[in-house]
Amino acid sequence: MSKKTLWAGRILSALPALFLLVDAIMKLVKPAPVVTATVALGYPESVILPLGIVLLICTALYVIPRTAVLGAILLTGYLGGAVATQVRIGSGAFPLVFPLVLGTLLWGGLYLRDERLRSLVWQS
């Protein structure tokens, strides 16, 4: 693997990882806008802290090279739940597309930085 490919993968991976890390921290801190938004999505306030913990663990698994594939799988499920929530409340296009873009960046970055994953995808 070339250094350029590795660094491109790291950068592509860092963008969604940083966003998800900030999102997890905000759920742990629970400022008023986070509580308001979560309740507006139809979730009780009591789920915010557990969601933040789950998101933090999944994101940590993603950034650790040895567990990155597991982290990507778990984050894909998490982001799928975000899409399902947006569909359920009938939101616009951006809230539906944003988690899909994050998921694409997660897997694209991982694909570029992990030779094991590339070998699984492109077996002859």
PDB file of N, CA and C in Angstrom:
ATOM      1  N   MET A   1       0.847  -1.169   0.000  1.00  0.00           N
ATOM      2  CA  MET A   1       0.000   0.000   0.000  1.00  0.00           C
ATOM      3  C   MET A   1       0.897   1.237   0.000  1.00  0.00           C
ATOM      4  N   SER A   2       0.534   2.188  -0.827  1.00  0.00           N
ATOM      5  CA  SER A   2       1.335   3.408  -0.894  1.00  0.00           C
ATOM      6  C   SER A   2       1.012   4.320   0.289  1.00  0.00           C
ATOM      7  N   LYS A   3       1.968   5.197   0.587  1.00  0.00           N
ATOM      8  CA  LYS A   3       1.759   6.140   1.688  1.00  0.00           C
ATOM      9  C   LYS A   3       0.623   7.110   1.368  1.00  0.00           C
ATOM     10  N   LYS A   4       0.482   7.463   0.090  1.00  0.00           N
ATOM     11  CA  LYS A   4      -0.599   8.371  -0.303  1.00  0.00           C
ATOM     12  C   LYS A   4      -1.956   7.734  -0.046  1.00  0.00           C
ATOM     13  N   THR A   5      -2.089   6.461  -0.386  1.00  0.00           N
ATOM     14  CA  THR A   5      -3.351   5.755  -0.163  1.00  0.00           C
ATOM     15  C   THR A   5      -3.645   5.662   1.326  1.00  0.00           C
ATOM     16  N   LEU A   6      -2.648   5.331   2.107  1.00  0.00           N
ATOM     17  CA  LEU A   6      -2.810   5.227   3.553  1.00  0.00           C
ATOM     18  C   LEU A   6      -3.247   6.558   4.152  1.00  0.00           C
ATOM     19  N   TRP A   7      -2.587   7.629   3.752  1.00  0.00           N
ATOM     20  CA  TRP A   7      -2.941   8.943   4.294  1.00  0.00           C
ATOM     21  C   TRP A   7      -4.304   9.423   3.808  1.00  0.00           C
ATOM     22  N   ALA A   8      -4.646   9.119   2.572  1.00  0.00           N
ATOM     23  CA  ALA A   8      -5.989   9.456   2.085  1.00  0.00           C
ATOM     24  C   ALA A   8      -7.034   8.717   2.919  1.00  0.00           C
ATOM     25  N   GLY A   9      -6.774   7.458   3.214  1.00  0.00           N
ATOM     26  CA  GLY A   9      -7.691   6.681   4.050  1.00  0.00           C
ATOM     27  C   GLY A   9      -7.800   7.239   5.447  1.00  0.00           C
ATOM     28  N   ARG A  10      -6.680   7.639   6.013  1.00  0.00           N
ATOM     29  CA  ARG A  10      -6.707   8.228   7.359  1.00  0.00           C
ATOM     30  C   ARG A  10      -7.505   9.523   7.391  1.00  0.00           C
ATOM     31  N   ILE A  11      -7.309  10.355   6.382  1.00  0.00           N
ATOM     32  CA  ILE A  11      -8.036  11.626   6.331  1.00  0.00           C
ATOM     33  C   ILE A  11      -9.528  11.382   6.122  1.00  0.00           C
ATOM     34  N   LEU A  12      -9.861  10.488   5.167  1.00  0.00           N
ATOM     35  CA  LEU A  12     -11.279  10.171   4.944  1.00  0.00           C
ATOM     36  C   LEU A  12     -11.914   9.559   6.181  1.00  0.00           C
ATOM     37  N   SER A  13     -11.167   8.795   6.936  1.00  0.00           N
ATOM     38  CA  SER A  13     -11.675   8.183   8.162  1.00  0.00           C
ATOM     39  C   SER A  13     -11.813   9.201   9.283  1.00  0.00           C
ATOM     40  N   ALA A  14     -10.899  10.152   9.331  1.00  0.00           N
ATOM     41  CA  ALA A  14     -10.897  11.126  10.420  1.00  0.00           C
ATOM     42  C   ALA A  14     -12.105  12.056  10.372  1.00  0.00           C
ATOM     43  N   LEU A  15     -12.554  12.417   9.179  1.00  0.00           N
ATOM     44  CA  LEU A  15     -13.664  13.361   9.066  1.00  0.00           C
ATOM     45  C   LEU A  15     -14.933  12.847   9.756  1.00  0.00           C
ATOM     46  N   PRO A  16     -15.444  11.677   9.392  1.00  0.00           N
ATOM     47  CA  PRO A  16     -16.645  11.206  10.089  1.00  0.00           C
ATOM     48  C   PRO A  16     -16.363  10.820  11.541  1.00  0.00           C
ATOM     49  N   ALA A  17     -15.153  10.321  11.825  1.00  0.00           N
ATOM     50  CA  ALA A  17     -14.824   9.936  13.198  1.00  0.00           C
ATOM     51  C   ALA A  17     -14.855  11.154  14.121  1.00  0.00           C
ATOM     52  N   LEU A  18     -14.321  12.268  13.671  1.00  0.00           N
ATOM     53  CA  LEU A  18     -14.351  13.489  14.476  1.00  0.00           C
ATOM     54  C   LEU A  18     -15.772  13.984  14.688  1.00  0.00           C
ATOM     55  N   PHE A  19     -16.577  13.953  13.632  1.00  0.00           N
ATOM     56  CA  PHE A  19     -17.968  14.373  13.764  1.00  0.00           C
ATOM     57  C   PHE A  19     -18.696  13.483  14.779  1.00  0.00           C
ATOM     58  N   LEU A  20     -18.520  12.170  14.660  1.00  0.00           N
ATOM     59  CA  LEU A  20     -19.210  11.243  15.555  1.00  0.00           C
ATOM     60  C   LEU A  20     -18.685  11.355  16.978  1.00  0.00           C
ATOM     61  N   LEU A  21     -17.409  11.638  17.140  1.00  0.00           N
ATOM     62  CA  LEU A  21     -16.854  11.845  18.469  1.00  0.00           C
ATOM     63  C   LEU A  21     -17.474  13.074  19.132  1.00  0.00           C
ATOM     64  N   VAL A  22     -17.577  14.159  18.400  1.00  0.00           N
ATOM     65  CA  VAL A  22     -18.212  15.367  18.931  1.00  0.00           C
ATOM     66  C   VAL A  22     -19.677  15.086  19.259  1.00  0.00           C
ATOM     67  N   ASP A  23     -20.366  14.367  18.381  1.00  0.00           N
ATOM     68  CA  ASP A  23     -21.763  14.012  18.628  1.00  0.00           C
ATOM     69  C   ASP A  23     -21.890  13.191  19.914  1.00  0.00           C
ATOM     70  N   ALA A  24     -20.995  12.219  20.109  1.00  0.00           N
ATOM     71  CA  ALA A  24     -21.028  11.391  21.318  1.00  0.00           C
ATOM     72  C   ALA A  24     -20.798  12.239  22.565  1.00  0.00           C
ATOM     73  N   ILE A  25     -19.818  13.129  22.505  1.00  0.00           N
ATOM     74  CA  ILE A  25     -19.519  13.986  23.660  1.00  0.00           C
ATOM     75  C   ILE A  25     -20.710  14.882  23.985  1.00  0.00           C
ATOM     76  N   MET A  26     -21.348  15.420  22.949  1.00  0.00           N
ATOM     77  CA  MET A  26     -22.525  16.262  23.178  1.00  0.00           C
ATOM     78  C   MET A  26     -23.651  15.471  23.841  1.00  0.00           C
ATOM     79  N   LYS A  27     -23.783  14.201  23.491  1.00  0.00           N
ATOM     80  CA  LYS A  27     -24.797  13.370  24.128  1.00  0.00           C
ATOM     81  C   LYS A  27     -24.431  13.079  25.588  1.00  0.00           C
ATOM     82  N   LEU A  28     -23.152  12.982  25.890  1.00  0.00           N
ATOM     83  CA  LEU A  28     -22.719  12.752  27.260  1.00  0.00           C
ATOM     84  C   LEU A  28     -22.904  13.997  28.120  1.00  0.00           C
ATOM     85  N   VAL A  29     -22.658  15.161  27.531  1.00  0.00           N
ATOM     86  CA  VAL A  29     -22.781  16.428  28.253  1.00  0.00           C
ATOM     87  C   VAL A  29     -24.252  16.867  28.361  1.00  0.00           C
ATOM     88  N   LYS A  30     -25.029  16.539  27.353  1.00  0.00           N
ATOM     89  CA  LYS A  30     -26.470  16.830  27.284  1.00  0.00           C
ATOM     90  C   LYS A  30     -26.835  18.315  27.426  1.00  0.00           C
ATOM     91  N   PRO A  31     -26.290  19.175  26.549  1.00  0.00           N
ATOM     92  CA  PRO A  31     -26.742  20.569  26.579  1.00  0.00           C
ATOM     93  C   PRO A  31     -28.198  20.639  26.102  1.00  0.00           C
ATOM     94  N   ALA A  32     -28.853  21.735  26.413  1.00  0.00           N
ATOM     95  CA  ALA A  32     -30.279  21.895  26.109  1.00  0.00           C
ATOM     96  C   ALA A  32     -30.630  21.635  24.641  1.00  0.00           C
ATOM     97  N   PRO A  33     -29.842  22.122  23.653  1.00  0.00           N
ATOM     98  CA  PRO A  33     -30.213  21.853  22.257  1.00  0.00           C
ATOM     99  C   PRO A  33     -30.225  20.356  21.909  1.00  0.00           C
ATOM    100  N   VAL A  34     -29.326  19.588  22.515  1.00  0.00           N
ATOM    101  CA  VAL A  34     -29.292  18.145  22.261  1.00  0.00           C
ATOM    102  C   VAL A  34     -30.539  17.483  22.842  1.00  0.00           C
ATOM    103  N   VAL A  35     -30.904  17.870  24.054  1.00  0.00           N
ATOM    104  CA  VAL A  35     -32.099  17.317  24.688  1.00  0.00           C
ATOM    105  C   VAL A  35     -33.332  17.679  23.871  1.00  0.00           C
ATOM    106  N   THR A  36     -33.439  18.931  23.477  1.00  0.00           N
ATOM    107  CA  THR A  36     -34.589  19.391  22.693  1.00  0.00           C
ATOM    108  C   THR A  36     -34.691  18.639  21.366  1.00  0.00           C
ATOM    109  N   ALA A  37     -33.573  18.503  20.672  1.00  0.00           N
ATOM    110  CA  ALA A  37     -33.577  17.818  19.373  1.00  0.00           C
ATOM    111  C   ALA A  37     -33.937  16.342  19.524  1.00  0.00           C
ATOM    112  N   THR A  38     -33.410  15.699  20.543  1.00  0.00           N
ATOM    113  CA  THR A  38     -33.680  14.277  20.747  1.00  0.00           C
ATOM    114  C   THR A  38     -35.149  14.041  21.066  1.00  0.00           C
ATOM    115  N   VAL A  39     -35.705  14.864  21.926  1.00  0.00           N
ATOM    116  CA  VAL A  39     -37.121  14.746  22.276  1.00  0.00           C
ATOM    117  C   VAL A  39     -37.997  15.047  21.050  1.00  0.00           C
ATOM    118  N   ALA A  40     -37.578  16.010  20.234  1.00  0.00           N
ATOM    119  CA  ALA A  40     -38.332  16.337  19.012  1.00  0.00           C
ATOM    120  C   ALA A  40     -38.330  15.165  18.024  1.00  0.00           C
ATOM    121  N   LEU A  41     -37.304  14.319  18.096  1.00  0.00           N
ATOM    122  CA  LEU A  41     -37.245  13.141  17.232  1.00  0.00           C
ATOM    123  C   LEU A  41     -38.095  11.987  17.765  1.00  0.00           C
ATOM    124  N   GLY A  42     -38.674  12.186  18.941  1.00  0.00           N
ATOM    125  CA  GLY A  42     -39.560  11.176  19.498  1.00  0.00           C
ATOM    126  C   GLY A  42     -38.914  10.249  20.508  1.00  0.00           C
ATOM    127  N   TYR A  43     -37.709  10.578  20.942  1.00  0.00           N
ATOM    128  CA  TYR A  43     -37.016   9.753  21.929  1.00  0.00           C
ATOM    129  C   TYR A  43     -37.101  10.404  23.302  1.00  0.00           C
ATOM    130  N   PRO A  44     -37.202   9.603  24.362  1.00  0.00           N
ATOM    131  CA  PRO A  44     -37.186  10.198  25.700  1.00  0.00           C
ATOM    132  C   PRO A  44     -35.777  10.673  26.061  1.00  0.00           C
ATOM    133  N   GLU A  45     -35.706  11.644  26.935  1.00  0.00           N
ATOM    134  CA  GLU A  45     -34.414  12.188  27.352  1.00  0.00           C
ATOM    135  C   GLU A  45     -33.522  11.111  27.969  1.00  0.00           C
ATOM    136  N   SER A  46     -34.120  10.098  28.535  1.00  0.00           N
ATOM    137  CA  SER A  46     -33.351   9.051  29.222  1.00  0.00           C
ATOM    138  C   SER A  46     -32.456   8.234  28.283  1.00  0.00           C
ATOM    139  N   VAL A  47     -32.674   8.292  26.980  1.00  0.00           N
ATOM    140  CA  VAL A  47     -31.841   7.512  26.046  1.00  0.00           C
ATOM    141  C   VAL A  47     -30.611   8.272  25.563  1.00  0.00           C
ATOM    142  N   ILE A  48     -30.519   9.553  25.862  1.00  0.00           N
ATOM    143  CA  ILE A  48     -29.416  10.354  25.330  1.00  0.00           C
ATOM    144  C   ILE A  48     -28.070   9.860  25.847  1.00  0.00           C
ATOM    145  N   LEU A  49     -27.930   9.676  27.141  1.00  0.00           N
ATOM    146  CA  LEU A  49     -26.659   9.227  27.708  1.00  0.00           C
ATOM    147  C   LEU A  49     -26.262   7.840  27.196  1.00  0.00           C
ATOM    148  N   PRO A  50     -27.165   6.843  27.208  1.00  0.00           N
ATOM    149  CA  PRO A  50     -26.787   5.544  26.647  1.00  0.00           C
ATOM    150  C   PRO A  50     -26.401   5.612  25.167  1.00  0.00           C
ATOM    151  N   LEU A  51     -27.103   6.429  24.391  1.00  0.00           N
ATOM    152  CA  LEU A  51     -26.731   6.594  22.978  1.00  0.00           C
ATOM    153  C   LEU A  51     -25.338   7.191  22.852  1.00  0.00           C
ATOM    154  N   GLY A  52     -25.016   8.154  23.694  1.00  0.00           N
ATOM    155  CA  GLY A  52     -23.684   8.762  23.669  1.00  0.00           C
ATOM    156  C   GLY A  52     -22.596   7.756  24.006  1.00  0.00           C
ATOM    157  N   ILE A  53     -22.866   6.888  24.984  1.00  0.00           N
ATOM    158  CA  ILE A  53     -21.893   5.866  25.369  1.00  0.00           C
ATOM    159  C   ILE A  53     -21.690   4.872  24.228  1.00  0.00           C
ATOM    160  N   VAL A  54     -22.794   4.424  23.636  1.00  0.00           N
ATOM    161  CA  VAL A  54     -22.703   3.477  22.507  1.00  0.00           C
ATOM    162  C   VAL A  54     -21.941   4.107  21.351  1.00  0.00           C
ATOM    163  N   LEU A  55     -22.267   5.348  21.022  1.00  0.00           N
ATOM    164  CA  LEU A  55     -21.591   6.029  19.913  1.00  0.00           C
ATOM    165  C   LEU A  55     -20.102   6.215  20.204  1.00  0.00           C
ATOM    166  N   LEU A  56     -19.763   6.557  21.436  1.00  0.00           N
ATOM    167  CA  LEU A  56     -18.361   6.729  21.803  1.00  0.00           C
ATOM    168  C   LEU A  56     -17.593   5.415  21.678  1.00  0.00           C
ATOM    169  N   ILE A  57     -18.177   4.323  22.138  1.00  0.00           N
ATOM    170  CA  ILE A  57     -17.524   3.014  22.043  1.00  0.00           C
ATOM    171  C   ILE A  57     -17.354   2.597  20.584  1.00  0.00           C
ATOM    172  N   CYS A  58     -18.411   2.746  19.786  1.00  0.00           N
ATOM    173  CA  CYS A  58     -18.332   2.363  18.365  1.00  0.00           C
ATOM    174  C   CYS A  58     -17.289   3.189  17.620  1.00  0.00           C
ATOM    175  N   THR A  59     -17.233   4.477  17.913  1.00  0.00           N
ATOM    176  CA  THR A  59     -16.258   5.351  17.261  1.00  0.00           C
ATOM    177  C   THR A  59     -14.836   4.992  17.692  1.00  0.00           C
ATOM    178  N   ALA A  60     -14.662   4.689  18.974  1.00  0.00           N
ATOM    179  CA  ALA A  60     -13.339   4.267  19.453  1.00  0.00           C
ATOM    180  C   ALA A  60     -12.901   2.975  18.765  1.00  0.00           C
ATOM    181  N   LEU A  61     -13.824   2.032  18.615  1.00  0.00           N
ATOM    182  CA  LEU A  61     -13.493   0.794  17.912  1.00  0.00           C
ATOM    183  C   LEU A  61     -13.093   1.079  16.471  1.00  0.00           C
ATOM    184  N   TYR A  62     -13.746   2.049  15.851  1.00  0.00           N
ATOM    185  CA  TYR A  62     -13.451   2.391  14.460  1.00  0.00           C
ATOM    186  C   TYR A  62     -12.055   2.987  14.285  1.00  0.00           C
ATOM    187  N   VAL A  63     -11.620   3.815  15.222  1.00  0.00           N
ATOM    188  CA  VAL A  63     -10.329   4.486  15.035  1.00  0.00           C
ATOM    189  C   VAL A  63      -9.139   3.601  15.422  1.00  0.00           C
ATOM    190  N   ILE A  64      -9.391   2.509  16.132  1.00  0.00           N
ATOM    191  CA  ILE A  64      -8.318   1.570  16.470  1.00  0.00           C
ATOM    192  C   ILE A  64      -8.152   0.614  15.287  1.00  0.00           C
ATOM    193  N   PRO A  65      -6.990   0.606  14.646  1.00  0.00           N
ATOM    194  CA  PRO A  65      -6.827  -0.199  13.425  1.00  0.00           C
ATOM    195  C   PRO A  65      -7.242  -1.670  13.570  1.00  0.00           C
ATOM    196  N   ARG A  66      -6.920  -2.287  14.671  1.00  0.00           N
ATOM    197  CA  ARG A  66      -7.220  -3.708  14.850  1.00  0.00           C
ATOM    198  C   ARG A  66      -8.720  -4.000  14.908  1.00  0.00           C
ATOM    199  N   THR A  67      -9.512  -3.035  15.388  1.00  0.00           N
ATOM    200  CA  THR A  67     -10.959  -3.237  15.536  1.00  0.00           C
ATOM    201  C   THR A  67     -11.779  -2.347  14.605  1.00  0.00           C
ATOM    202  N   ALA A  68     -11.123  -1.751  13.620  1.00  0.00           N
ATOM    203  CA  ALA A  68     -11.781  -0.766  12.753  1.00  0.00           C
ATOM    204  C   ALA A  68     -12.954  -1.352  11.968  1.00  0.00           C
ATOM    205  N   VAL A  69     -12.831  -2.577  11.494  1.00  0.00           N
ATOM    206  CA  VAL A  69     -13.925  -3.170  10.716  1.00  0.00           C
ATOM    207  C   VAL A  69     -15.149  -3.373  11.610  1.00  0.00           C
ATOM    208  N   LEU A  70     -14.940  -3.875  12.823  1.00  0.00           N
ATOM    209  CA  LEU A  70     -16.056  -4.030  13.764  1.00  0.00           C
ATOM    210  C   LEU A  70     -16.687  -2.676  14.056  1.00  0.00           C
ATOM    211  N   GLY A  71     -15.857  -1.661  14.290  1.00  0.00           N
ATOM    212  CA  GLY A  71     -16.370  -0.317  14.532  1.00  0.00           C
ATOM    213  C   GLY A  71     -17.185   0.201  13.359  1.00  0.00           C
ATOM    214  N   ALA A  72     -16.709  -0.040  12.136  1.00  0.00           N
ATOM    215  CA  ALA A  72     -17.438   0.413  10.938  1.00  0.00           C
ATOM    216  C   ALA A  72     -18.789  -0.292  10.825  1.00  0.00           C
ATOM    217  N   ILE A  73     -18.815  -1.582  11.133  1.00  0.00           N
ATOM    218  CA  ILE A  73     -20.081  -2.331  11.083  1.00  0.00           C
ATOM    219  C   ILE A  73     -21.052  -1.766  12.105  1.00  0.00           C
ATOM    220  N   LEU A  74     -20.586  -1.546  13.340  1.00  0.00           N
ATOM    221  CA  LEU A  74     -21.458  -1.014  14.392  1.00  0.00           C
ATOM    222  C   LEU A  74     -21.920   0.407  14.069  1.00  0.00           C
ATOM    223  N   LEU A  75     -21.028   1.232  13.548  1.00  0.00           N
ATOM    224  CA  LEU A  75     -21.414   2.596  13.178  1.00  0.00           C
ATOM    225  C   LEU A  75     -22.396   2.605  12.013  1.00  0.00           C
ATOM    226  N   THR A  76     -22.277   1.642  11.116  1.00  0.00           N
ATOM    227  CA  THR A  76     -23.249   1.530  10.024  1.00  0.00           C
ATOM    228  C   THR A  76     -24.644   1.272  10.583  1.00  0.00           C
ATOM    229  N   GLY A  77     -24.727   0.398  11.578  1.00  0.00           N
ATOM    230  CA  GLY A  77     -26.007   0.157  12.237  1.00  0.00           C
ATOM    231  C   GLY A  77     -26.529   1.400  12.933  1.00  0.00           C
ATOM    232  N   TYR A  78     -25.648   2.113  13.617  1.00  0.00           N
ATOM    233  CA  TYR A  78     -26.027   3.345  14.307  1.00  0.00           C
ATOM    234  C   TYR A  78     -26.564   4.378  13.316  1.00  0.00           C
ATOM    235  N   LEU A  79     -25.834   4.546  12.217  1.00  0.00           N
ATOM    236  CA  LEU A  79     -26.265   5.513  11.198  1.00  0.00           C
ATOM    237  C   LEU A  79     -27.550   5.062  10.509  1.00  0.00           C
ATOM    238  N   GLY A  80     -27.733   3.755  10.368  1.00  0.00           N
ATOM    239  CA  GLY A  80     -29.000   3.245   9.833  1.00  0.00           C
ATOM    240  C   GLY A  80     -30.169   3.614  10.728  1.00  0.00           C
ATOM    241  N   GLY A  81     -29.945   3.575  12.032  1.00  0.00           N
ATOM    242  CA  GLY A  81     -30.975   4.012  12.969  1.00  0.00           C
ATOM    243  C   GLY A  81     -31.278   5.495  12.817  1.00  0.00           C
ATOM    244  N   ALA A  82     -30.246   6.280  12.535  1.00  0.00           N
ATOM    245  CA  ALA A  82     -30.455   7.716  12.307  1.00  0.00           C
ATOM    246  C   ALA A  82     -31.307   7.945  11.065  1.00  0.00           C
ATOM    247  N   VAL A  83     -31.020   7.190  10.001  1.00  0.00           N
ATOM    248  CA  VAL A  83     -31.816   7.304   8.773  1.00  0.00           C
ATOM    249  C   VAL A  83     -33.263   6.883   9.049  1.00  0.00           C
ATOM    250  N   ALA A  84     -33.434   5.769   9.766  1.00  0.00           N
ATOM    251  CA  ALA A  84     -34.781   5.288  10.072  1.00  0.00           C
ATOM    252  C   ALA A  84     -35.570   6.317  10.882  1.00  0.00           C
ATOM    253  N   THR A  85     -34.908   6.959  11.820  1.00  0.00           N
ATOM    254  CA  THR A  85     -35.566   7.995  12.624  1.00  0.00           C
ATOM    255  C   THR A  85     -36.023   9.149  11.749  1.00  0.00           C
ATOM    256  N   GLN A  86     -35.161   9.573  10.822  1.00  0.00           N
ATOM    257  CA  GLN A  86     -35.511  10.684   9.941  1.00  0.00           C
ATOM    258  C   GLN A  86     -36.658  10.312   8.999  1.00  0.00           C
ATOM    259  N   VAL A  87     -36.666   9.075   8.533  1.00  0.00           N
ATOM    260  CA  VAL A  87     -37.759   8.615   7.672  1.00  0.00           C
ATOM    261  C   VAL A  87     -39.065   8.608   8.465  1.00  0.00           C
ATOM    262  N   ARG A  88     -38.997   8.122   9.714  1.00  0.00           N
ATOM    263  CA  ARG A  88     -40.187   8.016  10.555  1.00  0.00           C
ATOM    264  C   ARG A  88     -40.838   9.373  10.803  1.00  0.00           C
ATOM    265  N   ILE A  89     -40.018  10.408  10.993  1.00  0.00           N
ATOM    266  CA  ILE A  89     -40.595  11.721  11.273  1.00  0.00           C
ATOM    267  C   ILE A  89     -40.867  12.530  10.001  1.00  0.00           C
ATOM    268  N   GLY A  90     -40.473  11.991   8.850  1.00  0.00           N
ATOM    269  CA  GLY A  90     -40.752  12.664   7.579  1.00  0.00           C
ATOM    270  C   GLY A  90     -39.911  13.899   7.342  1.00  0.00           C
ATOM    271  N   SER A  91     -38.653  13.851   7.714  1.00  0.00           N
ATOM    272  CA  SER A  91     -37.789  15.017   7.526  1.00  0.00           C
ATOM    273  C   SER A  91     -37.387  15.166   6.061  1.00  0.00           C
ATOM    274  N   GLY A  92     -36.684  16.245   5.786  1.00  0.00           N
ATOM    275  CA  GLY A  92     -36.260  16.541   4.418  1.00  0.00           C
ATOM    276  C   GLY A  92     -35.100  15.682   3.954  1.00  0.00           C
ATOM    277  N   ALA A  93     -34.546  16.049   2.825  1.00  0.00           N
ATOM    278  CA  ALA A  93     -33.502  15.252   2.188  1.00  0.00           C
ATOM    279  C   ALA A  93     -32.179  15.280   2.955  1.00  0.00           C
ATOM    280  N   PHE A  94     -31.758  16.451   3.445  1.00  0.00           N
ATOM    281  CA  PHE A  94     -30.450  16.540   4.092  1.00  0.00           C
ATOM    282  C   PHE A  94     -30.323  15.614   5.298  1.00  0.00           C
ATOM    283  N   PRO A  95     -31.290  15.594   6.219  1.00  0.00           N
ATOM    284  CA  PRO A  95     -31.156  14.679   7.362  1.00  0.00           C
ATOM    285  C   PRO A  95     -31.132  13.203   6.962  1.00  0.00           C
ATOM    286  N   LEU A  96     -31.655  12.879   5.793  1.00  0.00           N
ATOM    287  CA  LEU A  96     -31.586  11.498   5.301  1.00  0.00           C
ATOM    288  C   LEU A  96     -30.243  11.203   4.644  1.00  0.00           C
ATOM    289  N   VAL A  97     -29.726  12.152   3.912  1.00  0.00           N
ATOM    290  CA  VAL A  97     -28.498  11.943   3.143  1.00  0.00           C
ATOM    291  C   VAL A  97     -27.251  12.045   4.025  1.00  0.00           C
ATOM    292  N   PHE A  98     -27.270  12.903   5.029  1.00  0.00           N
ATOM    293  CA  PHE A  98     -26.079  13.123   5.850  1.00  0.00           C
ATOM    294  C   PHE A  98     -25.543  11.839   6.494  1.00  0.00           C
ATOM    295  N   PRO A  99     -26.380  11.012   7.142  1.00  0.00           N
ATOM    296  CA  PRO A  99     -25.837   9.758   7.690  1.00  0.00           C
ATOM    297  C   PRO A  99     -25.309   8.816   6.602  1.00  0.00           C
ATOM    298  N   LEU A 100     -25.914   8.864   5.430  1.00  0.00           N
ATOM    299  CA  LEU A 100     -25.424   8.038   4.323  1.00  0.00           C
ATOM    300  C   LEU A 100     -24.041   8.493   3.866  1.00  0.00           C
ATOM    301  N   VAL A 101     -23.837   9.795   3.827  1.00  0.00           N
ATOM    302  CA  VAL A 101     -22.526  10.337   3.460  1.00  0.00           C
ATOM    303  C   VAL A 101     -21.494   9.959   4.523  1.00  0.00           C
ATOM    304  N   LEU A 102     -21.866  10.086   5.802  1.00  0.00           N
ATOM    305  CA  LEU A 102     -20.944   9.684   6.869  1.00  0.00           C
ATOM    306  C   LEU A 102     -20.559   8.214   6.730  1.00  0.00           C
ATOM    307  N   GLY A 103     -21.533   7.369   6.492  1.00  0.00           N
ATOM    308  CA  GLY A 103     -21.262   5.940   6.325  1.00  0.00           C
ATOM    309  C   GLY A 103     -20.353   5.665   5.136  1.00  0.00           C
ATOM    310  N   THR A 104     -20.581   6.375   4.053  1.00  0.00           N
ATOM    311  CA  THR A 104     -19.738   6.217   2.863  1.00  0.00           C
ATOM    312  C   THR A 104     -18.301   6.649   3.153  1.00  0.00           C
ATOM    313  N   LEU A 105     -18.145   7.756   3.870  1.00  0.00           N
ATOM    314  CA  LEU A 105     -16.802   8.205   4.244  1.00  0.00           C
ATOM    315  C   LEU A 105     -16.129   7.214   5.190  1.00  0.00           C
ATOM    316  N   LEU A 106     -16.906   6.666   6.141  1.00  0.00           N
ATOM    317  CA  LEU A 106     -16.356   5.667   7.071  1.00  0.00           C
ATOM    318  C   LEU A 106     -15.781   4.479   6.312  1.00  0.00           C
ATOM    319  N   TRP A 107     -16.606   3.912   5.440  1.00  0.00           N
ATOM    320  CA  TRP A 107     -16.168   2.712   4.714  1.00  0.00           C
ATOM    321  C   TRP A 107     -15.115   3.033   3.656  1.00  0.00           C
ATOM    322  N   GLY A 108     -15.242   4.186   2.997  1.00  0.00           N
ATOM    323  CA  GLY A 108     -14.240   4.571   2.001  1.00  0.00           C
ATOM    324  C   GLY A 108     -12.877   4.781   2.636  1.00  0.00           C
ATOM    325  N   GLY A 109     -12.847   5.470   3.765  1.00  0.00           N
ATOM    326  CA  GLY A 109     -11.592   5.678   4.469  1.00  0.00           C
ATOM    327  C   GLY A 109     -10.991   4.375   4.959  1.00  0.00           C
ATOM    328  N   LEU A 110     -11.852   3.515   5.490  1.00  0.00           N
ATOM    329  CA  LEU A 110     -11.371   2.219   5.973  1.00  0.00           C
ATOM    330  C   LEU A 110     -10.847   1.372   4.825  1.00  0.00           C
ATOM    331  N   TYR A 111     -11.544   1.402   3.703  1.00  0.00           N
ATOM    332  CA  TYR A 111     -11.100   0.654   2.520  1.00  0.00           C
ATOM    333  C   TYR A 111      -9.701   1.091   2.093  1.00  0.00           C
ATOM    334  N   LEU A 112      -9.448   2.382   2.118  1.00  0.00           N
ATOM    335  CA  LEU A 112      -8.143   2.887   1.690  1.00  0.00           C
ATOM    336  C   LEU A 112      -7.033   2.594   2.694  1.00  0.00           C
ATOM    337  N   ARG A 113      -7.354   2.522   3.972  1.00  0.00           N
ATOM    338  CA  ARG A 113      -6.299   2.340   4.974  1.00  0.00           C
ATOM    339  C   ARG A 113      -6.130   0.912   5.459  1.00  0.00           C
ATOM    340  N   ASP A 114      -6.971  -0.015   5.010  1.00  0.00           N
ATOM    341  CA  ASP A 114      -6.904  -1.392   5.516  1.00  0.00           C
ATOM    342  C   ASP A 114      -6.776  -2.378   4.364  1.00  0.00           C
ATOM    343  N   GLU A 115      -5.586  -2.928   4.212  1.00  0.00           N
ATOM    344  CA  GLU A 115      -5.344  -3.881   3.117  1.00  0.00           C
ATOM    345  C   GLU A 115      -6.189  -5.144   3.264  1.00  0.00           C
ATOM    346  N   ARG A 116      -6.463  -5.561   4.506  1.00  0.00           N
ATOM    347  CA  ARG A 116      -7.277  -6.766   4.717  1.00  0.00           C
ATOM    348  C   ARG A 116      -8.669  -6.579   4.109  1.00  0.00           C
ATOM    349  N   LEU A 117      -9.241  -5.411   4.316  1.00  0.00           N
ATOM    350  CA  LEU A 117     -10.567  -5.136   3.764  1.00  0.00           C
ATOM    351  C   LEU A 117     -10.520  -5.105   2.243  1.00  0.00           C
ATOM    352  N   ARG A 118      -9.497  -4.468   1.686  1.00  0.00           N
ATOM    353  CA  ARG A 118      -9.375  -4.423   0.222  1.00  0.00           C
ATOM    354  C   ARG A 118      -9.239  -5.806  -0.355  1.00  0.00           C
ATOM    355  N   SER A 119      -8.496  -6.680   0.307  1.00  0.00           N
ATOM    356  CA  SER A 119      -8.328  -8.037  -0.207  1.00  0.00           C
ATOM    357  C   SER A 119      -9.625  -8.828  -0.134  1.00  0.00           C
ATOM    358  N   LEU A 120     -10.482  -8.538   0.843  1.00  0.00           N
ATOM    359  CA  LEU A 120     -11.779  -9.210   0.937  1.00  0.00           C
ATOM    360  C   LEU A 120     -12.723  -8.750  -0.165  1.00  0.00           C
ATOM    361  N   VAL A 121     -12.677  -7.458  -0.450  1.00  0.00           N
ATOM    362  CA  VAL A 121     -13.595  -6.890  -1.432  1.00  0.00           C
ATOM    363  C   VAL A 121     -13.205  -7.299  -2.849  1.00  0.00           C
ATOM    364  N   TRP A 122     -11.915  -7.342  -3.144  1.00  0.00           N
ATOM    365  CA  TRP A 122     -11.462  -7.597  -4.505  1.00  0.00           C
ATOM    366  C   TRP A 122     -10.800  -8.963  -4.662  1.00  0.00           C
ATOM    367  N   GLN A 123     -11.380  -9.986  -4.068  1.00  0.00           N
ATOM    368  CA  GLN A 123     -10.839 -11.332  -4.263  1.00  0.00           C
ATOM    369  C   GLN A 123     -11.066 -11.782  -5.698  1.00  0.00           C
ATOM    370  N   SER A 124     -10.104 -12.504  -6.243  1.00  0.00           N
ATOM    371  CA  SER A 124     -10.232 -12.977  -7.630  1.00  0.00           C
ATOM    372  C   SER A 124     -10.794 -14.371  -7.669  1.00  0.00           C
TER     373      SER A 124
END
